[in-house]
Amino acid sequence: MKVGYSGQILFFQLLINRTFRFGLTHFFSPYRHSRTVLRRLAYLNNNYMDILISNLNLSLIEVDLQRLFTPYGEIGSVQMIRDKWNNRPTGKAYINMPVDKEAEKAIYALNGTVLAGKTIGVEAS
């Protein structure tokens, strides 16, 4: 395959090797060594069950939801949904739990409970 453009051939061979080894997102991502990318890749490889919590009090934070759900099992992550224009909470959140049985137990136990003066809705999404 040496035609005279050996520099270009070596570049494309390096591109192909890196692409197959790490994937396209790794090669072209400027954040390829950051923790957030590694967490997102770990999330994609695991089968977490997403739980949607609605009708939350706007004064709650992620730690409050984590304390509420930890008695039912391990929590992957907690994400409060915020308005994209003014960054205020919308009253909804997502929780990821790795074990489906623990997540179903938490949904059954916490759906309709009162948290910070409001009745919350908990459902699988």
PDB file of N, CA and C in Angstrom:
ATOM      1  N   MET A   1       0.796  -1.189   0.000  1.00  0.00           N
ATOM      2  CA  MET A   1       0.000   0.000   0.000  1.00  0.00           C
ATOM      3  C   MET A   1       0.840   1.255   0.000  1.00  0.00           C
ATOM      4  N   LYS A   2       2.100   1.171  -0.198  1.00  0.00           N
ATOM      5  CA  LYS A   2       2.948   2.354  -0.241  1.00  0.00           C
ATOM      6  C   LYS A   2       2.947   2.897  -1.652  1.00  0.00           C
ATOM      7  N   VAL A   3       2.319   4.052  -1.818  1.00  0.00           N
ATOM      8  CA  VAL A   3       2.158   4.629  -3.133  1.00  0.00           C
ATOM      9  C   VAL A   3       3.048   5.845  -3.306  1.00  0.00           C
ATOM     10  N   GLY A   4       3.447   6.461  -2.265  1.00  0.00           N
ATOM     11  CA  GLY A   4       4.184   7.698  -2.329  1.00  0.00           C
ATOM     12  C   GLY A   4       3.628   8.701  -1.339  1.00  0.00           C
ATOM     13  N   TYR A   5       2.441   8.411  -0.842  1.00  0.00           N
ATOM     14  CA  TYR A   5       1.822   9.249   0.176  1.00  0.00           C
ATOM     15  C   TYR A   5       1.924   8.538   1.522  1.00  0.00           C
ATOM     16  N   SER A   6       3.110   8.188   1.895  1.00  0.00           N
ATOM     17  CA  SER A   6       3.289   7.374   3.104  1.00  0.00           C
ATOM     18  C   SER A   6       2.857   8.121   4.350  1.00  0.00           C
ATOM     19  N   GLY A   7       3.021   9.443   4.370  1.00  0.00           N
ATOM     20  CA  GLY A   7       2.576  10.198   5.541  1.00  0.00           C
ATOM     21  C   GLY A   7       1.076  10.129   5.717  1.00  0.00           C
ATOM     22  N   GLN A   8       0.329  10.250   4.610  1.00  0.00           N
ATOM     23  CA  GLN A   8      -1.125  10.178   4.689  1.00  0.00           C
ATOM     24  C   GLN A   8      -1.593   8.776   5.037  1.00  0.00           C
ATOM     25  N   ILE A   9      -0.933   7.776   4.493  1.00  0.00           N
ATOM     26  CA  ILE A   9      -1.316   6.394   4.792  1.00  0.00           C
ATOM     27  C   ILE A   9      -1.071   6.093   6.261  1.00  0.00           C
ATOM     28  N   LEU A  10       0.047   6.546   6.805  1.00  0.00           N
ATOM     29  CA  LEU A  10       0.318   6.318   8.223  1.00  0.00           C
ATOM     30  C   LEU A  10      -0.703   7.053   9.093  1.00  0.00           C
ATOM     31  N   PHE A  11      -1.086   8.257   8.685  1.00  0.00           N
ATOM     32  CA  PHE A  11      -2.091   8.994   9.447  1.00  0.00           C
ATOM     33  C   PHE A  11      -3.421   8.246   9.473  1.00  0.00           C
ATOM     34  N   PHE A  12      -3.863   7.777   8.306  1.00  0.00           N
ATOM     35  CA  PHE A  12      -5.134   7.060   8.264  1.00  0.00           C
ATOM     36  C   PHE A  12      -5.060   5.721   8.979  1.00  0.00           C
ATOM     37  N   GLN A  13      -3.900   5.090   8.947  1.00  0.00           N
ATOM     38  CA  GLN A  13      -3.748   3.836   9.692  1.00  0.00           C
ATOM     39  C   GLN A  13      -3.827   4.108  11.185  1.00  0.00           C
ATOM     40  N   LEU A  14      -3.208   5.202  11.640  1.00  0.00           N
ATOM     41  CA  LEU A  14      -3.311   5.586  13.047  1.00  0.00           C
ATOM     42  C   LEU A  14      -4.754   5.925  13.404  1.00  0.00           C
ATOM     43  N   LEU A  15      -5.438   6.634  12.520  1.00  0.00           N
ATOM     44  CA  LEU A  15      -6.836   6.978  12.751  1.00  0.00           C
ATOM     45  C   LEU A  15      -7.695   5.730  12.890  1.00  0.00           C
ATOM     46  N   ILE A  16      -7.506   4.762  12.015  1.00  0.00           N
ATOM     47  CA  ILE A  16      -8.283   3.522  12.069  1.00  0.00           C
ATOM     48  C   ILE A  16      -7.965   2.744  13.335  1.00  0.00           C
ATOM     49  N   ASN A  17      -6.695   2.642  13.702  1.00  0.00           N
ATOM     50  CA  ASN A  17      -6.320   1.907  14.913  1.00  0.00           C
ATOM     51  C   ASN A  17      -6.925   2.548  16.156  1.00  0.00           C
ATOM     52  N   ARG A  18      -6.839   3.872  16.268  1.00  0.00           N
ATOM     53  CA  ARG A  18      -7.390   4.542  17.441  1.00  0.00           C
ATOM     54  C   ARG A  18      -8.909   4.454  17.459  1.00  0.00           C
ATOM     55  N   THR A  19      -9.533   4.516  16.294  1.00  0.00           N
ATOM     56  CA  THR A  19     -10.990   4.449  16.237  1.00  0.00           C
ATOM     57  C   THR A  19     -11.492   3.089  16.690  1.00  0.00           C
ATOM     58  N   PHE A  20     -10.866   2.022  16.232  1.00  0.00           N
ATOM     59  CA  PHE A  20     -11.321   0.692  16.621  1.00  0.00           C
ATOM     60  C   PHE A  20     -10.971   0.369  18.063  1.00  0.00           C
ATOM     61  N   ARG A  21      -9.880   0.929  18.562  1.00  0.00           N
ATOM     62  CA  ARG A  21      -9.503   0.634  19.931  1.00  0.00           C
ATOM     63  C   ARG A  21     -10.365   1.397  20.927  1.00  0.00           C
ATOM     64  N   PHE A  22     -10.609   2.674  20.683  1.00  0.00           N
ATOM     65  CA  PHE A  22     -11.305   3.500  21.662  1.00  0.00           C
ATOM     66  C   PHE A  22     -12.698   3.925  21.233  1.00  0.00           C
ATOM     67  N   GLY A  23     -13.051   3.782  19.990  1.00  0.00           N
ATOM     68  CA  GLY A  23     -14.338   4.253  19.504  1.00  0.00           C
ATOM     69  C   GLY A  23     -14.221   5.668  18.967  1.00  0.00           C
ATOM     70  N   LEU A  24     -15.164   6.048  18.127  1.00  0.00           N
ATOM     71  CA  LEU A  24     -15.122   7.371  17.507  1.00  0.00           C
ATOM     72  C   LEU A  24     -15.217   8.491  18.529  1.00  0.00           C
ATOM     73  N   THR A  25     -16.031   8.306  19.559  1.00  0.00           N
ATOM     74  CA  THR A  25     -16.197   9.375  20.538  1.00  0.00           C
ATOM     75  C   THR A  25     -14.894   9.653  21.267  1.00  0.00           C
ATOM     76  N   HIS A  26     -14.089   8.615  21.502  1.00  0.00           N
ATOM     77  CA  HIS A  26     -12.833   8.833  22.201  1.00  0.00           C
ATOM     78  C   HIS A  26     -11.853   9.615  21.339  1.00  0.00           C
ATOM     79  N   PHE A  27     -11.790   9.293  20.058  1.00  0.00           N
ATOM     80  CA  PHE A  27     -10.793   9.928  19.207  1.00  0.00           C
ATOM     81  C   PHE A  27     -11.112  11.392  18.966  1.00  0.00           C
ATOM     82  N   PHE A  28     -12.380  11.728  18.748  1.00  0.00           N
ATOM     83  CA  PHE A  28     -12.729  13.086  18.392  1.00  0.00           C
ATOM     84  C   PHE A  28     -13.135  13.949  19.580  1.00  0.00           C
ATOM     85  N   SER A  29     -13.252  13.396  20.759  1.00  0.00           N
ATOM     86  CA  SER A  29     -13.698  14.158  21.909  1.00  0.00           C
ATOM     87  C   SER A  29     -12.541  14.932  22.532  1.00  0.00           C
ATOM     88  N   PRO A  30     -12.713  16.225  22.763  1.00  0.00           N
ATOM     89  CA  PRO A  30     -11.650  16.967  23.454  1.00  0.00           C
ATOM     90  C   PRO A  30     -11.612  16.650  24.940  1.00  0.00           C
ATOM     91  N   TYR A  31     -12.671  16.014  25.466  1.00  0.00           N
ATOM     92  CA  TYR A  31     -12.739  15.676  26.883  1.00  0.00           C
ATOM     93  C   TYR A  31     -12.531  14.186  27.102  1.00  0.00           C
ATOM     94  N   ARG A  32     -11.696  13.566  26.319  1.00  0.00           N
ATOM     95  CA  ARG A  32     -11.620  12.111  26.347  1.00  0.00           C
ATOM     96  C   ARG A  32     -11.039  11.550  27.634  1.00  0.00           C
ATOM     97  N   HIS A  33     -10.378  12.374  28.431  1.00  0.00           N
ATOM     98  CA  HIS A  33      -9.812  11.868  29.676  1.00  0.00           C
ATOM     99  C   HIS A  33     -10.551  12.381  30.904  1.00  0.00           C
ATOM    100  N   SER A  34     -11.663  13.081  30.703  1.00  0.00           N
ATOM    101  CA  SER A  34     -12.356  13.662  31.844  1.00  0.00           C
ATOM    102  C   SER A  34     -13.211  12.607  32.544  1.00  0.00           C
ATOM    103  N   ARG A  35     -13.549  12.887  33.771  1.00  0.00           N
ATOM    104  CA  ARG A  35     -14.338  11.953  34.562  1.00  0.00           C
ATOM    105  C   ARG A  35     -15.763  11.844  34.051  1.00  0.00           C
ATOM    106  N   THR A  36     -16.314  12.939  33.543  1.00  0.00           N
ATOM    107  CA  THR A  36     -17.705  12.897  33.103  1.00  0.00           C
ATOM    108  C   THR A  36     -17.893  11.944  31.934  1.00  0.00           C
ATOM    109  N   VAL A  37     -16.943  11.933  31.010  1.00  0.00           N
ATOM    110  CA  VAL A  37     -17.057  11.008  29.877  1.00  0.00           C
ATOM    111  C   VAL A  37     -16.947   9.577  30.366  1.00  0.00           C
ATOM    112  N   LEU A  38     -16.030   9.322  31.299  1.00  0.00           N
ATOM    113  CA  LEU A  38     -15.885   7.973  31.833  1.00  0.00           C
ATOM    114  C   LEU A  38     -17.140   7.542  32.576  1.00  0.00           C
ATOM    115  N   ARG A  39     -17.771   8.464  33.315  1.00  0.00           N
ATOM    116  CA  ARG A  39     -19.020   8.128  34.005  1.00  0.00           C
ATOM    117  C   ARG A  39     -20.133   7.830  33.023  1.00  0.00           C
ATOM    118  N   ARG A  40     -20.212   8.631  31.944  1.00  0.00           N
ATOM    119  CA  ARG A  40     -21.260   8.394  30.958  1.00  0.00           C
ATOM    120  C   ARG A  40     -21.059   7.078  30.232  1.00  0.00           C
ATOM    121  N   LEU A  41     -19.812   6.722  29.947  1.00  0.00           N
ATOM    122  CA  LEU A  41     -19.558   5.432  29.318  1.00  0.00           C
ATOM    123  C   LEU A  41     -19.905   4.290  30.262  1.00  0.00           C
ATOM    124  N   ALA A  42     -19.595   4.443  31.550  1.00  0.00           N
ATOM    125  CA  ALA A  42     -19.963   3.421  32.520  1.00  0.00           C
ATOM    126  C   ALA A  42     -21.477   3.304  32.636  1.00  0.00           C
ATOM    127  N   TYR A  43     -22.180   4.447  32.555  1.00  0.00           N
ATOM    128  CA  TYR A  43     -23.640   4.423  32.610  1.00  0.00           C
ATOM    129  C   TYR A  43     -24.213   3.699  31.399  1.00  0.00           C
ATOM    130  N   LEU A  44     -23.626   3.921  30.216  1.00  0.00           N
ATOM    131  CA  LEU A  44     -24.131   3.261  29.017  1.00  0.00           C
ATOM    132  C   LEU A  44     -23.887   1.757  29.047  1.00  0.00           C
ATOM    133  N   ASN A  45     -22.811   1.330  29.694  1.00  0.00           N
ATOM    134  CA  ASN A  45     -22.505  -0.097  29.752  1.00  0.00           C
ATOM    135  C   ASN A  45     -23.351  -0.830  30.781  1.00  0.00           C
ATOM    136  N   ASN A  46     -23.837  -0.138  31.794  1.00  0.00           N
ATOM    137  CA  ASN A  46     -24.650  -0.771  32.829  1.00  0.00           C
ATOM    138  C   ASN A  46     -26.126  -0.594  32.509  1.00  0.00           C
ATOM    139  N   ASN A  47     -26.937  -1.497  33.009  1.00  0.00           N
ATOM    140  CA  ASN A  47     -28.379  -1.422  32.799  1.00  0.00           C
ATOM    141  C   ASN A  47     -29.036  -0.868  34.047  1.00  0.00           C
ATOM    142  N   TYR A  48     -29.027   0.436  34.190  1.00  0.00           N
ATOM    143  CA  TYR A  48     -29.670   1.076  35.314  1.00  0.00           C
ATOM    144  C   TYR A  48     -31.143   1.269  34.997  1.00  0.00           C
ATOM    145  N   MET A  49     -31.963   1.224  36.052  1.00  0.00           N
ATOM    146  CA  MET A  49     -33.382   1.506  35.889  1.00  0.00           C
ATOM    147  C   MET A  49     -33.612   2.965  36.251  1.00  0.00           C
ATOM    148  N   ASP A  50     -34.211   3.716  35.342  1.00  0.00           N
ATOM    149  CA  ASP A  50     -34.495   5.125  35.571  1.00  0.00           C
ATOM    150  C   ASP A  50     -35.814   5.269  36.296  1.00  0.00           C
ATOM    151  N   ILE A  51     -35.820   6.106  37.318  1.00  0.00           N
ATOM    152  CA  ILE A  51     -37.016   6.392  38.097  1.00  0.00           C
ATOM    153  C   ILE A  51     -37.287   7.881  37.995  1.00  0.00           C
ATOM    154  N   LEU A  52     -38.503   8.240  37.631  1.00  0.00           N
ATOM    155  CA  LEU A  52     -38.907   9.639  37.539  1.00  0.00           C
ATOM    156  C   LEU A  52     -39.676  10.011  38.794  1.00  0.00           C
ATOM    157  N   ILE A  53     -39.246  11.080  39.446  1.00  0.00           N
ATOM    158  CA  ILE A  53     -39.932  11.600  40.622  1.00  0.00           C
ATOM    159  C   ILE A  53     -40.530  12.944  40.229  1.00  0.00           C
ATOM    160  N   SER A  54     -41.820  13.107  40.415  1.00  0.00           N
ATOM    161  CA  SER A  54     -42.486  14.348  40.026  1.00  0.00           C
ATOM    162  C   SER A  54     -43.164  14.993  41.229  1.00  0.00           C
ATOM    163  N   ASN A  55     -43.562  16.253  41.055  1.00  0.00           N
ATOM    164  CA  ASN A  55     -44.236  17.059  42.072  1.00  0.00           C
ATOM    165  C   ASN A  55     -43.352  17.260  43.307  1.00  0.00           C
ATOM    166  N   LEU A  56     -42.082  17.545  43.067  1.00  0.00           N
ATOM    167  CA  LEU A  56     -41.153  17.790  44.168  1.00  0.00           C
ATOM    168  C   LEU A  56     -41.240  19.233  44.639  1.00  0.00           C
ATOM    169  N   ASN A  57     -40.952  19.437  45.916  1.00  0.00           N
ATOM    170  CA  ASN A  57     -40.826  20.782  46.446  1.00  0.00           C
ATOM    171  C   ASN A  57     -39.586  21.422  45.813  1.00  0.00           C
ATOM    172  N   LEU A  58     -39.677  22.676  45.426  1.00  0.00           N
ATOM    173  CA  LEU A  58     -38.584  23.328  44.713  1.00  0.00           C
ATOM    174  C   LEU A  58     -37.367  23.614  45.591  1.00  0.00           C
ATOM    175  N   SER A  59     -37.515  23.487  46.897  1.00  0.00           N
ATOM    176  CA  SER A  59     -36.385  23.729  47.791  1.00  0.00           C
ATOM    177  C   SER A  59     -35.521  22.484  48.011  1.00  0.00           C
ATOM    178  N   LEU A  60     -35.941  21.328  47.500  1.00  0.00           N
ATOM    179  CA  LEU A  60     -35.169  20.095  47.687  1.00  0.00           C
ATOM    180  C   LEU A  60     -33.930  20.087  46.803  1.00  0.00           C
ATOM    181  N   ILE A  61     -32.908  19.370  47.249  1.00  0.00           N
ATOM    182  CA  ILE A  61     -31.685  19.202  46.467  1.00  0.00           C
ATOM    183  C   ILE A  61     -31.416  17.713  46.284  1.00  0.00           C
ATOM    184  N   GLU A  62     -30.368  17.382  45.529  1.00  0.00           N
ATOM    185  CA  GLU A  62     -30.060  15.993  45.209  1.00  0.00           C
ATOM    186  C   GLU A  62     -29.800  15.141  46.452  1.00  0.00           C
ATOM    187  N   VAL A  63     -29.183  15.734  47.449  1.00  0.00           N
ATOM    188  CA  VAL A  63     -28.847  14.979  48.664  1.00  0.00           C
ATOM    189  C   VAL A  63     -30.109  14.511  49.383  1.00  0.00           C
ATOM    190  N   ASP A  64     -31.145  15.331  49.371  1.00  0.00           N
ATOM    191  CA  ASP A  64     -32.407  14.936  50.011  1.00  0.00           C
ATOM    192  C   ASP A  64     -33.007  13.702  49.349  1.00  0.00           C
ATOM    193  N   LEU A  65     -32.989  13.663  48.026  1.00  0.00           N
ATOM    194  CA  LEU A  65     -33.513  12.495  47.317  1.00  0.00           C
ATOM    195  C   LEU A  65     -32.626  11.275  47.528  1.00  0.00           C
ATOM    196  N   GLN A  66     -31.325  11.503  47.612  1.00  0.00           N
ATOM    197  CA  GLN A  66     -30.416  10.384  47.848  1.00  0.00           C
ATOM    198  C   GLN A  66     -30.677   9.765  49.218  1.00  0.00           C
ATOM    199  N   ARG A  67     -30.906  10.595  50.219  1.00  0.00           N
ATOM    200  CA  ARG A  67     -31.219  10.085  51.562  1.00  0.00           C
ATOM    201  C   ARG A  67     -32.550   9.336  51.576  1.00  0.00           C
ATOM    202  N   LEU A  68     -33.497   9.792  50.762  1.00  0.00           N
ATOM    203  CA  LEU A  68     -34.804   9.146  50.726  1.00  0.00           C
ATOM    204  C   LEU A  68     -34.736   7.763  50.080  1.00  0.00           C
ATOM    205  N   PHE A  69     -33.900   7.602  49.046  1.00  0.00           N
ATOM    206  CA  PHE A  69     -33.870   6.355  48.288  1.00  0.00           C
ATOM    207  C   PHE A  69     -32.806   5.358  48.763  1.00  0.00           C
ATOM    208  N   THR A  70     -31.821   5.765  49.547  1.00  0.00           N
ATOM    209  CA  THR A  70     -30.767   4.828  49.956  1.00  0.00           C
ATOM    210  C   THR A  70     -31.249   3.658  50.810  1.00  0.00           C
ATOM    211  N   PRO A  71     -32.299   3.760  51.630  1.00  0.00           N
ATOM    212  CA  PRO A  71     -32.738   2.562  52.358  1.00  0.00           C
ATOM    213  C   PRO A  71     -33.239   1.435  51.452  1.00  0.00           C
ATOM    214  N   TYR A  72     -33.572   1.745  50.206  1.00  0.00           N
ATOM    215  CA  TYR A  72     -34.118   0.741  49.300  1.00  0.00           C
ATOM    216  C   TYR A  72     -33.067   0.101  48.408  1.00  0.00           C
ATOM    217  N   GLY A  73     -31.848   0.616  48.413  1.00  0.00           N
ATOM    218  CA  GLY A  73     -30.797   0.004  47.608  1.00  0.00           C
ATOM    219  C   GLY A  73     -29.782   1.022  47.116  1.00  0.00           C
ATOM    220  N   GLU A  74     -28.877   0.520  46.293  1.00  0.00           N
ATOM    221  CA  GLU A  74     -27.793   1.348  45.760  1.00  0.00           C
ATOM    222  C   GLU A  74     -28.335   2.323  44.718  1.00  0.00           C
ATOM    223  N   ILE A  75     -27.793   3.539  44.726  1.00  0.00           N
ATOM    224  CA  ILE A  75     -28.211   4.576  43.788  1.00  0.00           C
ATOM    225  C   ILE A  75     -27.055   4.865  42.841  1.00  0.00           C
ATOM    226  N   GLY A  76     -27.350   4.854  41.532  1.00  0.00           N
ATOM    227  CA  GLY A  76     -26.329   5.179  40.553  1.00  0.00           C
ATOM    228  C   GLY A  76     -26.084   6.671  40.468  1.00  0.00           C
ATOM    229  N   SER A  77     -27.137   7.442  40.255  1.00  0.00           N
ATOM    230  CA  SER A  77     -27.006   8.897  40.196  1.00  0.00           C
ATOM    231  C   SER A  77     -28.363   9.539  40.436  1.00  0.00           C
ATOM    232  N   VAL A  78     -28.312  10.813  40.822  1.00  0.00           N
ATOM    233  CA  VAL A  78     -29.506  11.623  41.038  1.00  0.00           C
ATOM    234  C   VAL A  78     -29.350  12.878  40.187  1.00  0.00           C
ATOM    235  N   GLN A  79     -30.384  13.193  39.405  1.00  0.00           N
ATOM    236  CA  GLN A  79     -30.324  14.371  38.549  1.00  0.00           C
ATOM    237  C   GLN A  79     -31.619  15.159  38.682  1.00  0.00           C
ATOM    238  N   MET A  80     -31.509  16.360  39.202  1.00  0.00           N
ATOM    239  CA  MET A  80     -32.647  17.262  39.298  1.00  0.00           C
ATOM    240  C   MET A  80     -32.825  17.954  37.951  1.00  0.00           C
ATOM    241  N   ILE A  81     -34.052  17.999  37.462  1.00  0.00           N
ATOM    242  CA  ILE A  81     -34.334  18.661  36.194  1.00  0.00           C
ATOM    243  C   ILE A  81     -34.515  20.151  36.459  1.00  0.00           C
ATOM    244  N   ARG A  82     -33.797  20.962  35.680  1.00  0.00           N
ATOM    245  CA  ARG A  82     -33.856  22.411  35.847  1.00  0.00           C
ATOM    246  C   ARG A  82     -34.283  23.069  34.541  1.00  0.00           C
ATOM    247  N   ASP A  83     -34.886  24.229  34.685  1.00  0.00           N
ATOM    248  CA  ASP A  83     -35.276  25.014  33.530  1.00  0.00           C
ATOM    249  C   ASP A  83     -34.021  25.520  32.828  1.00  0.00           C
ATOM    250  N   LYS A  84     -33.979  25.398  31.509  1.00  0.00           N
ATOM    251  CA  LYS A  84     -32.747  25.743  30.813  1.00  0.00           C
ATOM    252  C   LYS A  84     -32.556  27.249  30.664  1.00  0.00           C
ATOM    253  N   TRP A  85     -33.593  28.047  30.873  1.00  0.00           N
ATOM    254  CA  TRP A  85     -33.451  29.495  30.718  1.00  0.00           C
ATOM    255  C   TRP A  85     -32.986  30.171  31.991  1.00  0.00           C
ATOM    256  N   ASN A  86     -33.550  29.800  33.131  1.00  0.00           N
ATOM    257  CA  ASN A  86     -33.188  30.486  34.374  1.00  0.00           C
ATOM    258  C   ASN A  86     -32.597  29.559  35.431  1.00  0.00           C
ATOM    259  N   ASN A  87     -32.381  28.298  35.099  1.00  0.00           N
ATOM    260  CA  ASN A  87     -31.716  27.315  35.969  1.00  0.00           C
ATOM    261  C   ASN A  87     -32.460  27.092  37.286  1.00  0.00           C
ATOM    262  N   ARG A  88     -33.760  27.266  37.272  1.00  0.00           N
ATOM    263  CA  ARG A  88     -34.559  26.966  38.455  1.00  0.00           C
ATOM    264  C   ARG A  88     -35.054  25.531  38.388  1.00  0.00           C
ATOM    265  N   PRO A  89     -35.253  24.884  39.534  1.00  0.00           N
ATOM    266  CA  PRO A  89     -35.777  23.509  39.509  1.00  0.00           C
ATOM    267  C   PRO A  89     -37.215  23.465  38.993  1.00  0.00           C
ATOM    268  N   THR A  90     -37.533  22.385  38.281  1.00  0.00           N
ATOM    269  CA  THR A  90     -38.873  22.225  37.716  1.00  0.00           C
ATOM    270  C   THR A  90     -39.780  21.358  38.588  1.00  0.00           C
ATOM    271  N   GLY A  91     -39.227  20.748  39.609  1.00  0.00           N
ATOM    272  CA  GLY A  91     -40.034  19.877  40.457  1.00  0.00           C
ATOM    273  C   GLY A  91     -39.988  18.424  40.028  1.00  0.00           C
ATOM    274  N   LYS A  92     -39.064  18.077  39.138  1.00  0.00           N
ATOM    275  CA  LYS A  92     -38.901  16.694  38.692  1.00  0.00           C
ATOM    276  C   LYS A  92     -37.446  16.287  38.838  1.00  0.00           C
ATOM    277  N   ALA A  93     -37.242  14.980  38.976  1.00  0.00           N
ATOM    278  CA  ALA A  93     -35.877  14.456  39.102  1.00  0.00           C
ATOM    279  C   ALA A  93     -35.835  13.031  38.569  1.00  0.00           C
ATOM    280  N   TYR A  94     -34.642  12.612  38.181  1.00  0.00           N
ATOM    281  CA  TYR A  94     -34.399  11.228  37.755  1.00  0.00           C
ATOM    282  C   TYR A  94     -33.396  10.595  38.707  1.00  0.00           C
ATOM    283  N   ILE A  95     -33.678   9.359  39.067  1.00  0.00           N
ATOM    284  CA  ILE A  95     -32.747   8.573  39.886  1.00  0.00           C
ATOM    285  C   ILE A  95     -32.478   7.283  39.139  1.00  0.00           C
ATOM    286  N   ASN A  96     -31.214   6.884  39.081  1.00  0.00           N
ATOM    287  CA  ASN A  96     -30.818   5.629  38.442  1.00  0.00           C
ATOM    288  C   ASN A  96     -30.443   4.630  39.525  1.00  0.00           C
ATOM    289  N   MET A  97     -31.048   3.455  39.459  1.00  0.00           N
ATOM    290  CA  MET A  97     -30.732   2.385  40.400  1.00  0.00           C
ATOM    291  C   MET A  97     -30.314   1.152  39.608  1.00  0.00           C
ATOM    292  N   PRO A  98     -29.186   0.520  39.968  1.00  0.00           N
ATOM    293  CA  PRO A  98     -28.679  -0.589  39.174  1.00  0.00           C
ATOM    294  C   PRO A  98     -29.460  -1.886  39.299  1.00  0.00           C
ATOM    295  N   VAL A  99     -30.135  -2.112  40.400  1.00  0.00           N
ATOM    296  CA  VAL A  99     -30.850  -3.371  40.608  1.00  0.00           C
ATOM    297  C   VAL A  99     -32.348  -3.117  40.415  1.00  0.00           C
ATOM    298  N   ASP A 100     -32.946  -3.847  39.485  1.00  0.00           N
ATOM    299  CA  ASP A 100     -34.347  -3.620  39.149  1.00  0.00           C
ATOM    300  C   ASP A 100     -35.292  -3.915  40.311  1.00  0.00           C
ATOM    301  N   LYS A 101     -35.028  -4.964  41.077  1.00  0.00           N
ATOM    302  CA  LYS A 101     -35.922  -5.316  42.188  1.00  0.00           C
ATOM    303  C   LYS A 101     -35.909  -4.235  43.265  1.00  0.00           C
ATOM    304  N   GLU A 102     -34.721  -3.696  43.554  1.00  0.00           N
ATOM    305  CA  GLU A 102     -34.641  -2.615  44.537  1.00  0.00           C
ATOM    306  C   GLU A 102     -35.360  -1.372  44.034  1.00  0.00           C
ATOM    307  N   ALA A 103     -35.243  -1.086  42.740  1.00  0.00           N
ATOM    308  CA  ALA A 103     -35.912   0.080  42.164  1.00  0.00           C
ATOM    309  C   ALA A 103     -37.427  -0.090  42.223  1.00  0.00           C
ATOM    310  N   GLU A 104     -37.927  -1.280  41.899  1.00  0.00           N
ATOM    311  CA  GLU A 104     -39.365  -1.528  41.968  1.00  0.00           C
ATOM    312  C   GLU A 104     -39.877  -1.430  43.406  1.00  0.00           C
ATOM    313  N   LYS A 105     -39.074  -1.897  44.358  1.00  0.00           N
ATOM    314  CA  LYS A 105     -39.449  -1.791  45.765  1.00  0.00           C
ATOM    315  C   LYS A 105     -39.528  -0.321  46.194  1.00  0.00           C
ATOM    316  N   ALA A 106     -38.575   0.502  45.729  1.00  0.00           N
ATOM    317  CA  ALA A 106     -38.580   1.923  46.061  1.00  0.00           C
ATOM    318  C   ALA A 106     -39.769   2.629  45.416  1.00  0.00           C
ATOM    319  N   ILE A 107     -40.107   2.267  44.189  1.00  0.00           N
ATOM    320  CA  ILE A 107     -41.250   2.877  43.508  1.00  0.00           C
ATOM    321  C   ILE A 107     -42.534   2.552  44.251  1.00  0.00           C
ATOM    322  N   TYR A 108     -42.694   1.292  44.617  1.00  0.00           N
ATOM    323  CA  TYR A 108     -43.908   0.865  45.313  1.00  0.00           C
ATOM    324  C   TYR A 108     -44.027   1.544  46.679  1.00  0.00           C
ATOM    325  N   ALA A 109     -42.916   1.679  47.390  1.00  0.00           N
ATOM    326  CA  ALA A 109     -42.963   2.230  48.746  1.00  0.00           C
ATOM    327  C   ALA A 109     -43.090   3.750  48.762  1.00  0.00           C
ATOM    328  N   LEU A 110     -42.504   4.442  47.809  1.00  0.00           N
ATOM    329  CA  LEU A 110     -42.439   5.903  47.882  1.00  0.00           C
ATOM    330  C   LEU A 110     -43.475   6.627  47.030  1.00  0.00           C
ATOM    331  N   ASN A 111     -44.182   5.934  46.172  1.00  0.00           N
ATOM    332  CA  ASN A 111     -45.185   6.595  45.347  1.00  0.00           C
ATOM    333  C   ASN A 111     -46.336   7.065  46.227  1.00  0.00           C
ATOM    334  N   GLY A 112     -46.629   8.363  46.178  1.00  0.00           N
ATOM    335  CA  GLY A 112     -47.718   8.920  46.971  1.00  0.00           C
ATOM    336  C   GLY A 112     -47.324   9.366  48.361  1.00  0.00           C
ATOM    337  N   THR A 113     -46.059   9.287  48.723  1.00  0.00           N
ATOM    338  CA  THR A 113     -45.633   9.746  50.045  1.00  0.00           C
ATOM    339  C   THR A 113     -45.492  11.265  50.055  1.00  0.00           C
ATOM    340  N   VAL A 114     -45.522  11.842  51.230  1.00  0.00           N
ATOM    341  CA  VAL A 114     -45.386  13.286  51.396  1.00  0.00           C
ATOM    342  C   VAL A 114     -43.930  13.601  51.714  1.00  0.00           C
ATOM    343  N   LEU A 115     -43.339  14.471  50.909  1.00  0.00           N
ATOM    344  CA  LEU A 115     -41.949  14.884  51.101  1.00  0.00           C
ATOM    345  C   LEU A 115     -41.902  16.404  51.053  1.00  0.00           C
ATOM    346  N   ALA A 116     -41.502  17.008  52.146  1.00  0.00           N
ATOM    347  CA  ALA A 116     -41.385  18.470  52.274  1.00  0.00           C
ATOM    348  C   ALA A 116     -42.713  19.163  51.962  1.00  0.00           C
ATOM    349  N   GLY A 117     -43.804  18.575  52.426  1.00  0.00           N
ATOM    350  CA  GLY A 117     -45.107  19.202  52.285  1.00  0.00           C
ATOM    351  C   GLY A 117     -45.833  18.933  50.980  1.00  0.00           C
ATOM    352  N   LYS A 118     -45.272  18.132  50.079  1.00  0.00           N
ATOM    353  CA  LYS A 118     -45.930  17.831  48.807  1.00  0.00           C
ATOM    354  C   LYS A 118     -45.973  16.320  48.590  1.00  0.00           C
ATOM    355  N   THR A 119     -47.058  15.844  48.003  1.00  0.00           N
ATOM    356  CA  THR A 119     -47.200  14.421  47.667  1.00  0.00           C
ATOM    357  C   THR A 119     -46.444  14.163  46.383  1.00  0.00           C
ATOM    358  N   ILE A 120     -45.437  13.281  46.427  1.00  0.00           N
ATOM    359  CA  ILE A 120     -44.599  13.037  45.260  1.00  0.00           C
ATOM    360  C   ILE A 120     -45.127  11.848  44.462  1.00  0.00           C
ATOM    361  N   GLY A 121     -44.856  11.868  43.184  1.00  0.00           N
ATOM    362  CA  GLY A 121     -45.171  10.751  42.308  1.00  0.00           C
ATOM    363  C   GLY A 121     -43.881  10.072  41.881  1.00  0.00           C
ATOM    364  N   VAL A 122     -43.808   8.771  42.030  1.00  0.00           N
ATOM    365  CA  VAL A 122     -42.604   8.007  41.691  1.00  0.00           C
ATOM    366  C   VAL A 122     -43.019   6.932  40.701  1.00  0.00           C
ATOM    367  N   GLU A 123     -42.347   6.911  39.537  1.00  0.00           N
ATOM    368  CA  GLU A 123     -42.683   5.923  38.516  1.00  0.00           C
ATOM    369  C   GLU A 123     -41.442   5.578  37.709  1.00  0.00           C
ATOM    370  N   ALA A 124     -41.468   4.408  37.096  1.00  0.00           N
ATOM    371  CA  ALA A 124     -40.374   3.992  36.236  1.00  0.00           C
ATOM    372  C   ALA A 124     -40.491   4.723  34.901  1.00  0.00           C
ATOM    373  N   SER A 125     -39.343   5.084  34.360  1.00  0.00           N
ATOM    374  CA  SER A 125     -39.387   5.771  33.062  1.00  0.00           C
ATOM    375  C   SER A 125     -38.564   5.034  32.035  1.00  0.00           C
TER     376      SER A 125
END
